[in-house]
C-alpha atoms as a PDB file:
ATOM      1  CA  MET A   1     103.595 152.574 137.872  1.00  0.00           C
ATOM      2  CA  THR A   2     105.624 155.418 138.300  1.00  0.00           C
ATOM      3  CA  GLY A   3     107.535 157.962 140.875  1.00  0.00           C
ATOM      4  CA  HIS A   4     106.230 160.708 142.527  1.00  0.00           C
ATOM      5  CA  ASP A   5     104.348 163.880 141.502  1.00  0.00           C
ATOM      6  CA  HIS A   6     102.906 166.112 144.401  1.00  0.00           C
ATOM      7  CA  THR A   7     101.913 168.927 142.500  1.00  0.00           C
ATOM      8  CA  PRO A   8      98.032 169.792 143.668  1.00  0.00           C
ATOM      9  CA  ALA A   9      95.096 168.822 141.262  1.00  0.00           C
ATOM     10  CA  PRO A  10      93.315 171.938 140.148  1.00  0.00           C
ATOM     11  CA  GLY A  11      90.532 170.641 141.293  1.00  0.00           C
ATOM     12  CA  THR A  12      89.406 167.675 143.466  1.00  0.00           C
ATOM     13  CA  ALA A  13      85.676 167.294 141.829  1.00  0.00           C
ATOM     14  CA  GLY A  14      87.106 165.036 138.732  1.00  0.00           C
ATOM     15  CA  PRO A  15      85.441 164.106 135.876  1.00  0.00           C
ATOM     16  CA  PRO A  16      81.516 163.122 136.021  1.00  0.00           C
ATOM     17  CA  THR A  17      81.949 159.799 134.925  1.00  0.00           C
ATOM     18  CA  ALA A  18      84.306 156.932 135.762  1.00  0.00           C
ATOM     19  CA  LEU A  19      83.327 154.489 133.254  1.00  0.00           C
ATOM     20  CA  VAL A  20      84.334 155.388 129.661  1.00  0.00           C
ATOM     21  CA  ALA A  21      82.453 152.805 126.920  1.00  0.00           C
ATOM     22  CA  ARG A  22      84.503 151.677 123.831  1.00  0.00           C
ATOM     23  CA  ARG A  23      82.331 148.985 122.717  1.00  0.00           C
ATOM     24  CA  ALA A  24      78.811 149.280 124.087  1.00  0.00           C
ATOM     25  CA  PRO A  25      76.232 146.728 122.596  1.00  0.00           C
ATOM     26  CA  ALA A  26      72.554 146.874 122.919  1.00  0.00           C
ATOM     27  CA  THR A  27      72.492 143.792 125.170  1.00  0.00           C
ATOM     28  CA  ALA A  28      75.611 143.039 126.973  1.00  0.00           C
ATOM     29  CA  ARG A  29      76.419 139.102 128.120  1.00  0.00           C
ATOM     30  CA  ALA A  30      79.281 140.538 129.839  1.00  0.00           C
ATOM     31  CA  ALA A  31      81.718 143.356 130.240  1.00  0.00           C
ATOM     32  CA  VAL A  32      85.683 144.037 130.350  1.00  0.00           C
ATOM     33  CA  LEU A  33      86.908 146.751 131.619  1.00  0.00           C
ATOM     34  CA  PHE A  34      90.761 148.160 131.812  1.00  0.00           C
ATOM     35  CA  LEU A  35      92.453 150.096 133.917  1.00  0.00           C
ATOM     36  CA  HIS A  36      95.944 152.207 132.924  1.00  0.00           C
ATOM     37  CA  GLY A  37      98.912 152.413 135.025  1.00  0.00           C
ATOM     38  CA  GLY A  38     100.102 156.072 137.033  1.00  0.00           C
ATOM     39  CA  ALA A  39     102.148 157.059 140.000  1.00  0.00           C
ATOM     40  CA  ALA A  40     103.027 155.571 143.238  1.00  0.00           C
ATOM     41  CA  ASP A  41     101.818 159.464 144.171  1.00  0.00           C
ATOM     42  CA  GLY A  42     100.293 162.480 142.278  1.00  0.00           C
ATOM     43  CA  ARG A  43      97.546 164.522 142.395  1.00  0.00           C
ATOM     44  CA  THR A  44      97.470 166.020 139.223  1.00  0.00           C
ATOM     45  CA  ARG A  45      94.206 165.442 136.820  1.00  0.00           C
ATOM     46  CA  SER A  46      94.572 162.355 135.000  1.00  0.00           C
ATOM     47  CA  ARG A  47      93.937 162.667 131.105  1.00  0.00           C
ATOM     48  CA  PRO A  48      93.409 160.405 128.233  1.00  0.00           C
ATOM     49  CA  TRP A  49      96.140 161.346 126.392  1.00  0.00           C
ATOM     50  CA  HIS A  50      99.018 160.531 128.851  1.00  0.00           C
ATOM     51  CA  LEU A  51     101.346 157.522 128.341  1.00  0.00           C
ATOM     52  CA  ALA A  52      99.801 155.175 130.417  1.00  0.00           C
ATOM     53  CA  ALA A  53      96.506 155.377 129.445  1.00  0.00           C
ATOM     54  CA  VAL A  54      97.548 155.208 125.664  1.00  0.00           C
ATOM     55  CA  ARG A  55      99.802 152.380 126.463  1.00  0.00           C
ATOM     56  CA  MET A  56      96.033 150.313 127.225  1.00  0.00           C
ATOM     57  CA  ARG A  57      94.688 151.044 124.077  1.00  0.00           C
ATOM     58  CA  PRO A  58      96.297 147.985 122.060  1.00  0.00           C
ATOM     59  CA  PHE A  59      94.736 146.128 124.619  1.00  0.00           C
ATOM     60  CA  THR A  60      91.528 147.166 124.408  1.00  0.00           C
ATOM     61  CA  GLY A  61      92.154 146.058 120.119  1.00  0.00           C
ATOM     62  CA  ALA A  62      93.117 142.890 120.993  1.00  0.00           C
ATOM     63  CA  VAL A  63      90.366 141.808 123.022  1.00  0.00           C
ATOM     64  CA  SER A  64      87.963 143.278 121.096  1.00  0.00           C
ATOM     65  CA  ALA A  65      89.395 141.314 118.035  1.00  0.00           C
ATOM     66  CA  ALA A  66      89.691 137.940 120.017  1.00  0.00           C
ATOM     67  CA  LEU A  67      86.050 137.902 121.381  1.00  0.00           C
ATOM     68  CA  SER A  68      83.714 135.561 119.296  1.00  0.00           C
ATOM     69  CA  ASP A  69      81.025 138.096 119.540  1.00  0.00           C
ATOM     70  CA  ASP A  70      79.796 141.449 119.601  1.00  0.00           C
ATOM     71  CA  GLY A  71      77.794 140.710 123.090  1.00  0.00           C
ATOM     72  CA  VAL A  72      81.065 142.108 125.475  1.00  0.00           C
ATOM     73  CA  PHE A  73      80.509 145.726 126.761  1.00  0.00           C
ATOM     74  CA  LEU A  74      84.539 146.956 126.879  1.00  0.00           C
ATOM     75  CA  GLY A  75      85.100 150.155 128.515  1.00  0.00           C
ATOM     76  CA  GLU A  76      87.925 151.946 130.609  1.00  0.00           C
ATOM     77  CA  VAL A  77      88.092 153.393 134.215  1.00  0.00           C
ATOM     78  CA  ARG A  78      88.302 156.786 134.393  1.00  0.00           C
ATOM     79  CA  TYR A  79      90.734 157.947 137.090  1.00  0.00           C
ATOM     80  CA  ARG A  80      90.288 161.408 138.620  1.00  0.00           C
ATOM     81  CA  VAL A  81      94.044 161.604 139.700  1.00  0.00           C
ATOM     82  CA  ARG A  82      97.291 159.986 138.450  1.00  0.00           C
ATOM     83  CA  GLY A  83      98.317 158.296 141.706  1.00  0.00           C
ATOM     84  CA  TRP A  84      97.271 155.548 144.013  1.00  0.00           C
ATOM     85  CA  ASN A  85      98.223 158.012 147.052  1.00  0.00           C
ATOM     86  CA  GLY A  86      98.368 155.781 150.152  1.00  0.00           C
ATOM     87  CA  GLU A  87      95.676 155.118 151.826  1.00  0.00           C
ATOM     88  CA  ASP A  88      93.203 157.263 149.943  1.00  0.00           C
ATOM     89  CA  ALA A  89      93.640 154.565 146.753  1.00  0.00           C
ATOM     90  CA  ASP A  90      92.378 156.968 144.459  1.00  0.00           C
ATOM     91  CA  PRO A  91      91.913 154.647 141.445  1.00  0.00           C
ATOM     92  CA  LEU A  92      90.358 152.089 143.587  1.00  0.00           C
ATOM     93  CA  ARG A  93      87.820 154.143 144.499  1.00  0.00           C
ATOM     94  CA  ASP A  94      87.240 155.113 140.949  1.00  0.00           C
ATOM     95  CA  ALA A  95      87.090 151.406 139.872  1.00  0.00           C
ATOM     96  CA  ARG A  96      84.556 150.841 142.467  1.00  0.00           C
ATOM     97  CA  ARG A  97      82.310 154.096 141.078  1.00  0.00           C
ATOM     98  CA  ALA A  98      82.960 152.682 137.120  1.00  0.00           C
ATOM     99  CA  LEU A  99      81.615 149.128 138.407  1.00  0.00           C
ATOM    100  CA  ASP A 100      78.825 150.561 139.726  1.00  0.00           C
ATOM    101  CA  GLU A 101      78.375 152.946 136.887  1.00  0.00           C
ATOM    102  CA  LEU A 102      78.372 149.654 134.713  1.00  0.00           C
ATOM    103  CA  ALA A 103      75.936 148.011 135.961  1.00  0.00           C
ATOM    104  CA  GLY A 104      73.405 150.666 135.618  1.00  0.00           C
ATOM    105  CA  LEU A 105      73.922 150.717 131.837  1.00  0.00           C
ATOM    106  CA  VAL A 106      74.284 146.752 131.430  1.00  0.00           C
ATOM    107  CA  GLY A 107      72.603 145.361 134.491  1.00  0.00           C
ATOM    108  CA  ASP A 108      74.430 142.309 136.507  1.00  0.00           C
ATOM    109  CA  VAL A 109      76.818 140.850 133.941  1.00  0.00           C
ATOM    110  CA  PRO A 110      80.113 138.929 134.603  1.00  0.00           C
ATOM    111  CA  VAL A 111      83.073 141.360 134.495  1.00  0.00           C
ATOM    112  CA  VAL A 112      86.647 140.807 133.852  1.00  0.00           C
ATOM    113  CA  LEU A 113      88.862 143.644 134.796  1.00  0.00           C
ATOM    114  CA  VAL A 114      92.126 144.204 132.941  1.00  0.00           C
ATOM    115  CA  GLY A 115      94.620 146.062 134.724  1.00  0.00           C
ATOM    116  CA  HIS A 116      98.532 147.275 134.130  1.00  0.00           C
ATOM    117  CA  SER A 117     100.630 148.253 136.986  1.00  0.00           C
ATOM    118  CA  MET A 118      98.846 150.705 139.150  1.00  0.00           C
ATOM    119  CA  GLY A 119      95.880 149.701 137.666  1.00  0.00           C
ATOM    120  CA  GLY A 120      96.565 146.131 138.200  1.00  0.00           C
ATOM    121  CA  ARG A 121      96.955 146.565 141.738  1.00  0.00           C
ATOM    122  CA  ALA A 122      93.329 148.451 141.719  1.00  0.00           C
ATOM    123  CA  ALA A 123      92.066 145.341 139.369  1.00  0.00           C
ATOM    124  CA  LEU A 124      92.941 142.872 142.250  1.00  0.00           C
ATOM    125  CA  ARG A 125      91.331 145.283 144.961  1.00  0.00           C
ATOM    126  CA  ALA A 126      88.335 145.849 142.958  1.00  0.00           C
ATOM    127  CA  ALA A 127      87.614 142.056 142.516  1.00  0.00           C
ATOM    128  CA  ALA A 128      85.871 142.050 145.447  1.00  0.00           C
ATOM    129  CA  ALA A 129      82.906 143.408 143.839  1.00  0.00           C
ATOM    130  CA  PRO A 130      80.362 140.206 143.629  1.00  0.00           C
ATOM    131  CA  GLN A 131      80.308 141.276 139.624  1.00  0.00           C
ATOM    132  CA  VAL A 132      83.655 140.705 138.692  1.00  0.00           C
ATOM    133  CA  ARG A 133      84.730 137.097 137.917  1.00  0.00           C
ATOM    134  CA  ALA A 134      88.198 137.459 136.843  1.00  0.00           C
ATOM    135  CA  VAL A 135      91.188 139.923 136.752  1.00  0.00           C
ATOM    136  CA  LEU A 136      93.856 139.642 134.520  1.00  0.00           C
ATOM    137  CA  ALA A 137      96.819 141.846 135.564  1.00  0.00           C
ATOM    138  CA  LEU A 138      99.631 143.029 133.457  1.00  0.00           C
ATOM    139  CA  ALA A 139     102.825 143.946 135.465  1.00  0.00           C
ATOM    140  CA  PRO A 140     100.929 144.588 138.747  1.00  0.00           C
ATOM    141  CA  TRP A 141     102.010 146.611 141.668  1.00  0.00           C
ATOM    142  CA  CYS A 142     102.043 144.187 144.184  1.00  0.00           C
ATOM    143  CA  PRO A 143     103.711 145.497 147.209  1.00  0.00           C
ATOM    144  CA  ASP A 144     104.184 143.566 150.818  1.00  0.00           C
ATOM    145  CA  GLY A 145     100.692 142.706 152.226  1.00  0.00           C
ATOM    146  CA  GLU A 146      98.505 143.352 149.419  1.00  0.00           C
ATOM    147  CA  PRO A 147      95.170 141.831 150.636  1.00  0.00           C
ATOM    148  CA  VAL A 148      94.204 138.629 148.713  1.00  0.00           C
ATOM    149  CA  THR A 149      90.975 137.428 150.623  1.00  0.00           C
ATOM    150  CA  GLN A 150      88.957 139.353 148.361  1.00  0.00           C
ATOM    151  CA  LEU A 151      90.134 136.827 145.149  1.00  0.00           C
ATOM    152  CA  ARG A 152      88.141 133.737 146.815  1.00  0.00           C
ATOM    153  CA  GLY A 153      86.742 131.660 144.186  1.00  0.00           C
ATOM    154  CA  LYS A 154      87.758 134.162 141.579  1.00  0.00           C
ATOM    155  CA  ASP A 155      90.095 133.842 138.281  1.00  0.00           C
ATOM    156  CA  VAL A 156      93.277 135.449 138.631  1.00  0.00           C
ATOM    157  CA  PHE A 157      95.873 135.612 136.000  1.00  0.00           C
ATOM    158  CA  VAL A 158      99.119 137.758 135.826  1.00  0.00           C
ATOM    159  CA  LEU A 159     101.562 138.460 133.362  1.00  0.00           C
ATOM    160  CA  HIS A 160     104.539 139.994 134.294  1.00  0.00           C
ATOM    161  CA  GLY A 161     107.808 140.646 132.633  1.00  0.00           C
ATOM    162  CA  ASP A 162     110.939 139.093 133.683  1.00  0.00           C
ATOM    163  CA  ARG A 163     112.956 142.243 132.892  1.00  0.00           C
ATOM    164  CA  ASP A 164     110.830 144.454 134.623  1.00  0.00           C
ATOM    165  CA  ARG A 165     112.447 147.045 136.912  1.00  0.00           C
ATOM    166  CA  THR A 166     109.433 149.153 137.726  1.00  0.00           C
ATOM    167  CA  THR A 167     107.141 146.295 139.363  1.00  0.00           C
ATOM    168  CA  ASP A 168     108.707 143.589 141.044  1.00  0.00           C
ATOM    169  CA  PRO A 169     108.122 140.189 139.021  1.00  0.00           C
ATOM    170  CA  HIS A 170     108.727 137.706 141.815  1.00  0.00           C
ATOM    171  CA  ALA A 171     106.209 139.590 144.112  1.00  0.00           C
ATOM    172  CA  SER A 172     103.705 138.715 141.406  1.00  0.00           C
ATOM    173  CA  VAL A 173     104.699 135.018 141.644  1.00  0.00           C
ATOM    174  CA  ALA A 174     104.226 135.694 145.563  1.00  0.00           C
ATOM    175  CA  TYR A 175     100.981 136.960 145.441  1.00  0.00           C
ATOM    176  CA  VAL A 176      99.660 134.795 143.060  1.00  0.00           C
ATOM    177  CA  ARG A 177     100.611 131.668 145.587  1.00  0.00           C
ATOM    178  CA  ARG A 178      99.016 133.745 148.344  1.00  0.00           C
ATOM    179  CA  ALA A 179      96.114 134.020 146.291  1.00  0.00           C
ATOM    180  CA  ARG A 180      95.692 130.537 145.870  1.00  0.00           C
ATOM    181  CA  GLU A 181      96.204 129.721 149.590  1.00  0.00           C
ATOM    182  CA  ALA A 182      93.277 132.093 150.152  1.00  0.00           C
ATOM    183  CA  GLY A 183      90.984 129.928 147.549  1.00  0.00           C
ATOM    184  CA  ALA A 184      91.528 131.776 144.446  1.00  0.00           C
ATOM    185  CA  ARG A 185      91.986 130.224 140.993  1.00  0.00           C
ATOM    186  CA  ALA A 186      95.296 131.652 140.106  1.00  0.00           C
ATOM    187  CA  GLY A 187      98.056 131.674 137.716  1.00  0.00           C
ATOM    188  CA  VAL A 188     100.807 133.582 136.300  1.00  0.00           C
ATOM    189  CA  VAL A 189     103.431 133.676 133.095  1.00  0.00           C
ATOM    190  CA  LEU A 190     106.761 135.353 133.434  1.00  0.00           C
ATOM    191  CA  VAL A 191     107.460 136.793 129.694  1.00  0.00           C
ATOM    192  CA  THR A 192     110.692 135.837 128.690  1.00  0.00           C
ATOM    193  CA  ASN A 193     112.959 139.404 128.251  1.00  0.00           C
ATOM    194  CA  GLY A 194     109.522 141.136 128.939  1.00  0.00           C
ATOM    195  CA  ASP A 195     109.612 144.943 130.172  1.00  0.00           C
ATOM    196  CA  HIS A 196     107.205 146.988 131.976  1.00  0.00           C
ATOM    197  CA  ALA A 197     106.125 148.939 129.452  1.00  0.00           C
ATOM    198  CA  MET A 198     104.998 145.699 127.473  1.00  0.00           C
ATOM    199  CA  LEU A 199     106.744 147.162 124.578  1.00  0.00           C
ATOM    200  CA  ARG A 200     109.336 144.905 123.858  1.00  0.00           C
ATOM    201  CA  ARG A 201     107.306 141.780 122.208  1.00  0.00           C
ATOM    202  CA  GLY A 202     104.442 143.788 122.753  1.00  0.00           C
ATOM    203  CA  GLY A 203     102.628 141.636 120.303  1.00  0.00           C
ATOM    204  CA  SER A 204     102.947 138.854 122.621  1.00  0.00           C
ATOM    205  CA  TRP A 205     101.408 140.846 125.312  1.00  0.00           C
ATOM    206  CA  HIS A 206      98.515 141.776 123.428  1.00  0.00           C
ATOM    207  CA  ARG A 207      97.686 138.310 121.898  1.00  0.00           C
ATOM    208  CA  ALA A 208      97.923 136.872 125.079  1.00  0.00           C
ATOM    209  CA  ALA A 209      95.660 139.283 126.889  1.00  0.00           C
ATOM    210  CA  GLY A 210      93.155 138.674 123.897  1.00  0.00           C
ATOM    211  CA  SER A 211      93.114 135.238 124.332  1.00  0.00           C
ATOM    212  CA  ALA A 212      92.913 134.949 128.184  1.00  0.00           C
ATOM    213  CA  VAL A 213      90.182 137.237 128.277  1.00  0.00           C
ATOM    214  CA  ALA A 214      88.114 135.133 126.127  1.00  0.00           C
ATOM    215  CA  ALA A 215      89.216 132.176 127.817  1.00  0.00           C
ATOM    216  CA  LEU A 216      88.093 134.100 130.896  1.00  0.00           C
ATOM    217  CA  LEU A 217      84.499 134.647 129.382  1.00  0.00           C
ATOM    218  CA  SER A 218      84.151 131.240 128.116  1.00  0.00           C
ATOM    219  CA  PRO A 219      81.354 129.527 130.269  1.00  0.00           C
ATOM    220  CA  GLY A 220      82.373 127.819 133.217  1.00  0.00           C
ATOM    221  CA  ALA A 221      85.873 128.375 134.912  1.00  0.00           C
ATOM    222  CA  PRO A 222      89.149 127.987 132.334  1.00  0.00           C
ATOM    223  CA  ALA A 223      90.509 124.884 132.071  1.00  0.00           C
ATOM    224  CA  PRO A 224      94.451 125.361 133.091  1.00  0.00           C
ATOM    225  CA  ASP A 225      95.364 124.064 129.672  1.00  0.00           C
ATOM    226  CA  LEU A 226      93.009 126.824 127.951  1.00  0.00           C
ATOM    227  CA  LEU A 227      95.034 129.447 129.983  1.00  0.00           C
ATOM    228  CA  ALA A 228      98.376 127.331 129.010  1.00  0.00           C
ATOM    229  CA  THR A 229      97.357 127.861 125.181  1.00  0.00           C
ATOM    230  CA  ALA A 230      96.523 131.480 126.113  1.00  0.00           C
ATOM    231  CA  PHE A 231     100.300 132.484 127.313  1.00  0.00           C
ATOM    232  CA  ALA A 232     102.051 129.767 125.380  1.00  0.00           C
ATOM    233  CA  ALA A 233     103.732 132.686 123.023  1.00  0.00           C
ATOM    234  CA  THR A 234     104.603 134.825 126.220  1.00  0.00           C
ATOM    235  CA  GLY A 235     107.085 132.565 128.041  1.00  0.00           C
ATOM    236  CA  PRO A 236     107.579 129.172 129.519  1.00  0.00           C
ATOM    237  CA  GLY A 237     104.086 128.885 131.023  1.00  0.00           C
ATOM    238  CA  VAL A 238     101.200 129.031 133.819  1.00  0.00           C
ATOM    239  CA  LEU A 239     102.942 128.591 137.124  1.00  0.00           C
END
């Protein structure tokens, strides 16, 4: 989540689809969708070569490598514009559209959403969709008053750098506590010396994300010790 960009977009229609397939098995048993970051405000067209989108590519690779079979669809949510844009919540609209398109492709399979920064906020909101089983939020943007009731009965895990100066790690801790009170199975890990861009100790971020998604897609709800193991290399443990 970066600052402000008020340049009007060259068009409003956006891309024809909101879902970009990165791995599409013939028959999928589950799916993982990745949502990259963006800006608080910005109506310029979102492009796949923007840094926020490129930053998520290693996570796609890490998750793919961590999965034990090839029956999991991997895809990215393609945004129309770069910003959240207040009540328009543009990336949330795109995430919902991508989930609809995914259902048309692979049917009713459990979905894990992996989102960074603004994409983390969109993923946590989009968890209201019944097919979403879990959310892995990376340094999410969790402003005061962000809703949590949609997370009831879901698995929610947050990974946030303790030196993040763009989104607030303490806000993530508070958000997870409220999510638990709302009935989510939620945990948070603060990555020691971690930054918002996830470049410092990048390998730890990637390995933890891959292990966490594999645990979230395992049969039944992931046990706390599984998630503790997934996050062991990043910091003090699951809170």
